[in-house]
C-alpha atoms as a PDB file:
ATOM      1  CA  ASN A   1       4.907   8.855 -11.606  1.00  0.00           C
ATOM      2  CA  ARG A   2       6.383  10.521  -8.512  1.00  0.00           C
ATOM      3  CA  THR A   3       6.690   9.001  -5.070  1.00  0.00           C
ATOM      4  CA  ARG A   4       7.436  12.157  -3.054  1.00  0.00           C
ATOM      5  CA  PRO A   5       5.832  15.588  -2.620  1.00  0.00           C
ATOM      6  CA  PHE A   6       6.929  18.169  -5.178  1.00  0.00           C
ATOM      7  CA  LEU A   7       6.351  21.857  -5.897  1.00  0.00           C
ATOM      8  CA  PHE A   8       3.214  22.341  -8.007  1.00  0.00           C
ATOM      9  CA  ALA A   9       4.726  25.599  -9.280  1.00  0.00           C
ATOM     10  CA  ASP A  10       7.361  23.489 -11.089  1.00  0.00           C
ATOM     11  CA  THR A  11       4.762  21.338 -12.880  1.00  0.00           C
ATOM     12  CA  ARG A  12       1.647  21.600 -14.995  1.00  0.00           C
ATOM     13  CA  PHE A  13      -0.309  19.419 -12.506  1.00  0.00           C
ATOM     14  CA  ASP A  14      -3.533  20.698 -11.004  1.00  0.00           C
ATOM     15  CA  ALA A  15      -3.629  17.985  -8.331  1.00  0.00           C
ATOM     16  CA  ALA A  16      -1.938  14.752  -7.244  1.00  0.00           C
ATOM     17  CA  ILE A  17      -2.955  11.540  -5.485  1.00  0.00           C
ATOM     18  CA  TYR A  18      -0.372  10.167  -3.096  1.00  0.00           C
ATOM     19  CA  PHE A  19       0.073   7.704  -0.248  1.00  0.00           C
ATOM     20  CA  GLY A  20       1.454   8.938   3.050  1.00  0.00           C
ATOM     21  CA  GLU A  21       0.681  11.460   5.762  1.00  0.00           C
ATOM     22  CA  PRO A  22      -0.853  14.915   5.271  1.00  0.00           C
ATOM     23  CA  THR A  23       2.508  16.657   5.635  1.00  0.00           C
ATOM     24  CA  TRP A  24       2.792  18.121   2.129  1.00  0.00           C
ATOM     25  CA  SER A  25       3.123  21.882   2.693  1.00  0.00           C
ATOM     26  CA  GLY A  26       1.473  24.575   0.584  1.00  0.00           C
ATOM     27  CA  VAL A  27      -1.403  22.341  -0.519  1.00  0.00           C
ATOM     28  CA  ASN A  28      -4.924  21.434   0.487  1.00  0.00           C
ATOM     29  CA  HIS A  29      -5.549  17.799   1.422  1.00  0.00           C
ATOM     30  CA  LEU A  30      -8.535  15.502   0.998  1.00  0.00           C
ATOM     31  CA  LYS A  31      -8.264  12.076   2.602  1.00  0.00           C
ATOM     32  CA  LEU A  32      -9.539   9.418   0.230  1.00  0.00           C
ATOM     33  CA  PHE A  33      -9.091   6.187   2.214  1.00  0.00           C
ATOM     34  CA  ASP A  34      -6.860   4.335   4.655  1.00  0.00           C
ATOM     35  CA  GLU A  35      -4.861   1.321   3.626  1.00  0.00           C
ATOM     36  CA  THR A  36      -4.957  -2.254   4.857  1.00  0.00           C
ATOM     37  CA  VAL A  37      -2.536  -4.920   3.712  1.00  0.00           C
ATOM     38  CA  THR A  38      -2.393  -8.691   3.445  1.00  0.00           C
ATOM     39  CA  ALA A  39       0.723 -10.863   3.310  1.00  0.00           C
ATOM     40  CA  CYS A  40       0.594 -13.211   0.319  1.00  0.00           C
ATOM     41  CA  VAL A  41       2.645 -16.022  -1.184  1.00  0.00           C
ATOM     42  CA  SER A  42       2.370 -18.291  -4.188  1.00  0.00           C
ATOM     43  CA  PRO A  43       0.536 -21.575  -3.588  1.00  0.00           C
ATOM     44  CA  ALA A  44       3.825 -23.456  -4.185  1.00  0.00           C
ATOM     45  CA  PHE A  45       5.651 -21.269  -1.623  1.00  0.00           C
ATOM     46  CA  ALA A  46       2.843 -21.930   0.883  1.00  0.00           C
ATOM     47  CA  GLN A  47       3.208 -25.690   0.426  1.00  0.00           C
ATOM     48  CA  ALA A  48       6.991 -25.546   0.811  1.00  0.00           C
ATOM     49  CA  HIS A  49       7.176 -23.368   3.942  1.00  0.00           C
ATOM     50  CA  ARG A  50       5.557 -23.436   7.352  1.00  0.00           C
ATOM     51  CA  MET A  51       3.764 -20.119   8.031  1.00  0.00           C
ATOM     52  CA  GLU A  52       1.650 -20.746  11.104  1.00  0.00           C
ATOM     53  CA  SER A  53       3.185 -18.093  13.349  1.00  0.00           C
ATOM     54  CA  LEU A  54       4.972 -14.755  13.190  1.00  0.00           C
ATOM     55  CA  GLU A  55       8.206 -16.545  14.029  1.00  0.00           C
ATOM     56  CA  ASP A  56       7.752 -18.775  10.967  1.00  0.00           C
ATOM     57  CA  VAL A  57       7.177 -15.733   8.755  1.00  0.00           C
ATOM     58  CA  SER A  58      10.133 -13.831  10.206  1.00  0.00           C
ATOM     59  CA  ASN A  59      12.507 -16.545   8.990  1.00  0.00           C
ATOM     60  CA  LEU A  60      11.343 -16.340   5.378  1.00  0.00           C
ATOM     61  CA  PRO A  61      12.286 -13.839   2.643  1.00  0.00           C
ATOM     62  CA  MET A  62      10.062 -10.758   2.737  1.00  0.00           C
ATOM     63  CA  LEU A  63       9.530  -8.659  -0.371  1.00  0.00           C
ATOM     64  CA  HIS A  64       9.928  -4.957   0.431  1.00  0.00           C
ATOM     65  CA  LEU A  65       8.549  -1.923  -1.410  1.00  0.00           C
ATOM     66  CA  GLU A  66      10.809   1.119  -1.385  1.00  0.00           C
ATOM     67  CA  SER A  67       7.967   3.625  -0.926  1.00  0.00           C
ATOM     68  CA  ARG A  68       6.394   1.698   1.976  1.00  0.00           C
ATOM     69  CA  SER A  69       9.247   1.312   4.440  1.00  0.00           C
ATOM     70  CA  SER A  70       6.972   0.854   7.486  1.00  0.00           C
ATOM     71  CA  PHE A  71       4.723  -1.853   5.940  1.00  0.00           C
ATOM     72  CA  TRP A  72       6.387  -4.859   7.548  1.00  0.00           C
ATOM     73  CA  THR A  73       6.679  -3.139  10.947  1.00  0.00           C
ATOM     74  CA  ASP A  74       2.995  -2.221  10.807  1.00  0.00           C
ATOM     75  CA  TRP A  75       2.048  -5.715   9.671  1.00  0.00           C
ATOM     76  CA  PHE A  76       3.904  -7.476  12.480  1.00  0.00           C
ATOM     77  CA  GLU A  77       2.376  -5.092  15.052  1.00  0.00           C
ATOM     78  CA  GLY A  78      -1.076  -5.589  13.462  1.00  0.00           C
ATOM     79  CA  GLN A  79      -0.618  -9.354  13.907  1.00  0.00           C
ATOM     80  CA  GLY A  80       0.065  -8.783  17.615  1.00  0.00           C
ATOM     81  CA  GLY A  81       3.818  -9.234  17.377  1.00  0.00           C
ATOM     82  CA  GLN A  82       7.006  -7.257  17.548  1.00  0.00           C
ATOM     83  CA  PRO A  83       8.499  -5.743  14.409  1.00  0.00           C
ATOM     84  CA  ILE A  84      11.534  -7.548  13.014  1.00  0.00           C
ATOM     85  CA  GLU A  85      14.110  -6.809  10.362  1.00  0.00           C
ATOM     86  CA  GLY A  86      13.411  -9.375   7.689  1.00  0.00           C
ATOM     87  CA  SER A  87      15.529 -10.378   4.748  1.00  0.00           C
ATOM     88  CA  GLY A  88      14.416 -10.144   1.169  1.00  0.00           C
ATOM     89  CA  MET A  89      14.422  -8.054  -1.973  1.00  0.00           C
ATOM     90  CA  LEU A  90      13.674  -4.334  -2.254  1.00  0.00           C
ATOM     91  CA  MET A  91      11.569  -3.227  -5.215  1.00  0.00           C
ATOM     92  CA  ASP A  92      10.076   0.023  -6.395  1.00  0.00           C
ATOM     93  CA  GLN A  93       6.724  -1.072  -7.878  1.00  0.00           C
ATOM     94  CA  PHE A  94       3.838  -3.167  -6.603  1.00  0.00           C
ATOM     95  CA  SER A  95       3.750  -4.975  -9.934  1.00  0.00           C
ATOM     96  CA  MET A  96       7.299  -6.211  -9.316  1.00  0.00           C
ATOM     97  CA  VAL A  97       6.434  -7.334  -5.766  1.00  0.00           C
ATOM     98  CA  ILE A  98       3.398  -9.230  -7.061  1.00  0.00           C
ATOM     99  CA  GLN A  99       5.394 -10.967  -9.801  1.00  0.00           C
ATOM    100  CA  ALA A 100       8.184 -11.861  -7.360  1.00  0.00           C
ATOM    101  CA  ALA A 101       5.637 -13.434  -4.989  1.00  0.00           C
ATOM    102  CA  ILE A 102       3.894 -15.333  -7.796  1.00  0.00           C
ATOM    103  CA  SER A 103       7.346 -16.636  -8.812  1.00  0.00           C
ATOM    104  CA  GLY A 104       7.906 -17.959  -5.271  1.00  0.00           C
ATOM    105  CA  LEU A 105      10.657 -15.535  -4.252  1.00  0.00           C
ATOM    106  CA  GLY A 106       9.124 -14.573  -0.915  1.00  0.00           C
ATOM    107  CA  ILE A 107       6.220 -13.040   0.984  1.00  0.00           C
ATOM    108  CA  ALA A 108       4.548  -9.994  -0.548  1.00  0.00           C
ATOM    109  CA  LEU A 109       2.795  -7.423   1.576  1.00  0.00           C
ATOM    110  CA  LEU A 110       0.079  -5.985  -0.656  1.00  0.00           C
ATOM    111  CA  PRO A 111      -2.693  -3.422  -0.250  1.00  0.00           C
ATOM    112  CA  ASP A 112      -5.946  -5.332  -0.001  1.00  0.00           C
ATOM    113  CA  TYR A 113      -7.296  -3.852  -3.239  1.00  0.00           C
ATOM    114  CA  LEU A 114      -4.390  -5.600  -5.035  1.00  0.00           C
ATOM    115  CA  ALA A 115      -4.149  -8.680  -2.826  1.00  0.00           C
ATOM    116  CA  GLN A 116      -7.817  -9.639  -3.223  1.00  0.00           C
ATOM    117  CA  ILE A 117      -7.500  -9.736  -7.022  1.00  0.00           C
ATOM    118  CA  GLU A 118      -4.484 -12.084  -6.892  1.00  0.00           C
ATOM    119  CA  ILE A 119      -6.059 -14.248  -4.150  1.00  0.00           C
ATOM    120  CA  SER A 120      -9.418 -14.571  -5.953  1.00  0.00           C
ATOM    121  CA  GLU A 121      -7.630 -15.619  -9.161  1.00  0.00           C
ATOM    122  CA  GLY A 122      -5.537 -18.223  -7.280  1.00  0.00           C
ATOM    123  CA  ARG A 123      -2.116 -16.752  -8.042  1.00  0.00           C
ATOM    124  CA  LEU A 124      -1.458 -15.902  -4.368  1.00  0.00           C
ATOM    125  CA  VAL A 125      -2.706 -17.172  -1.027  1.00  0.00           C
ATOM    126  CA  PRO A 126      -2.953 -15.110   2.194  1.00  0.00           C
ATOM    127  CA  VAL A 127      -0.649 -15.609   5.175  1.00  0.00           C
ATOM    128  CA  LEU A 128      -2.041 -15.253   8.728  1.00  0.00           C
ATOM    129  CA  LYS A 129      -4.497 -12.395   9.454  1.00  0.00           C
ATOM    130  CA  GLN A 130      -5.728 -10.450   6.424  1.00  0.00           C
ATOM    131  CA  GLY A 131      -6.533  -6.748   6.217  1.00  0.00           C
ATOM    132  CA  VAL A 132      -3.963  -5.328   8.658  1.00  0.00           C
ATOM    133  CA  SER A 133      -4.010  -1.535   9.056  1.00  0.00           C
ATOM    134  CA  VAL A 134      -0.839   0.365   8.185  1.00  0.00           C
ATOM    135  CA  ARG A 135       0.348   3.931   8.664  1.00  0.00           C
ATOM    136  CA  GLY A 136      -0.596   6.356   5.938  1.00  0.00           C
ATOM    137  CA  ALA A 137      -3.555   6.912   3.687  1.00  0.00           C
ATOM    138  CA  TYR A 138      -4.358   7.915   0.140  1.00  0.00           C
ATOM    139  CA  TRP A 139      -4.762  11.681  -0.305  1.00  0.00           C
ATOM    140  CA  LEU A 140      -5.757  14.084  -3.017  1.00  0.00           C
ATOM    141  CA  VAL A 141      -3.678  17.264  -2.803  1.00  0.00           C
ATOM    142  CA  TRP A 142      -3.882  20.468  -4.825  1.00  0.00           C
ATOM    143  CA  PRO A 143      -2.253  23.893  -4.636  1.00  0.00           C
ATOM    144  CA  GLN A 144      -4.137  26.359  -2.496  1.00  0.00           C
ATOM    145  CA  GLU A 145      -4.379  28.820  -5.403  1.00  0.00           C
ATOM    146  CA  LYS A 146      -6.351  26.232  -7.436  1.00  0.00           C
ATOM    147  CA  SER A 147      -9.060  25.783  -4.783  1.00  0.00           C
ATOM    148  CA  SER A 148     -11.672  27.632  -6.803  1.00  0.00           C
ATOM    149  CA  ASN A 149     -10.968  25.744 -10.075  1.00  0.00           C
ATOM    150  CA  VAL A 150     -14.334  24.361 -11.233  1.00  0.00           C
ATOM    151  CA  ALA A 151     -12.902  21.269 -12.939  1.00  0.00           C
ATOM    152  CA  LEU A 152     -10.804  20.422  -9.876  1.00  0.00           C
ATOM    153  CA  HIS A 153     -13.848  20.888  -7.637  1.00  0.00           C
ATOM    154  CA  ALA A 154     -15.841  18.429  -9.819  1.00  0.00           C
ATOM    155  CA  PHE A 155     -12.940  15.944  -9.727  1.00  0.00           C
ATOM    156  CA  ARG A 156     -12.697  16.216  -5.905  1.00  0.00           C
ATOM    157  CA  ASP A 157     -16.450  15.565  -5.615  1.00  0.00           C
ATOM    158  CA  TRP A 158     -16.200  12.512  -7.902  1.00  0.00           C
ATOM    159  CA  LEU A 159     -13.199  11.140  -5.997  1.00  0.00           C
ATOM    160  CA  THR A 160     -15.026  11.617  -2.702  1.00  0.00           C
ATOM    161  CA  ARG A 161     -17.909   9.511  -3.983  1.00  0.00           C
ATOM    162  CA  GLN A 162     -15.521   6.835  -5.335  1.00  0.00           C
ATOM    163  CA  SER A 163     -13.581   6.628  -2.085  1.00  0.00           C
ATOM    164  CA  GLU A 164     -16.749   5.501  -0.296  1.00  0.00           C
ATOM    165  CA  TYR A 165     -16.142   2.082  -1.914  1.00  0.00           C
ATOM    166  CA  PHE A 166     -12.946   1.747   0.191  1.00  0.00           C
ATOM    167  CA  PRO A 167     -14.216   1.579   3.779  1.00  0.00           C
ATOM    168  CA  SER A 168     -11.803   2.533   6.557  1.00  0.00           C
ATOM    169  CA  PRO A 169     -10.587  -0.274   8.807  1.00  0.00           C
END
């Protein structure tokens, strides 16, 4: 599990899927899908705190993900507001953010493919507008010298078909 671009020559990997911008040098890129996020809290947190406006939210603890530093800025802008510097914990995995939110420790900003699972199962409830677009996308990258690899070509084709299930905002 790596969160930053690396040199394929230093690994045995044929390809990688990552979130970000297509700035990884020395590789070919295939955009899989954009990301939208929803702010979520536990039902108990929602009952205990007023969250009817951006100002209300800005005064509550926000759960931050280390690899998504622009999420909260993008979310506030997507809600029609100005970005703010919110307080809260910094974590390095979505699973930790989800568990912290379920435990009532603050507001989680989750990709919709994760948020919808937790919302539908009643562990989290959405805050304000759902499905806010953020910077970055999911990409498949592979070294240019592997472009003619038959197995990689089949994998790219399969991923392309799968990514159609994640419509762009």
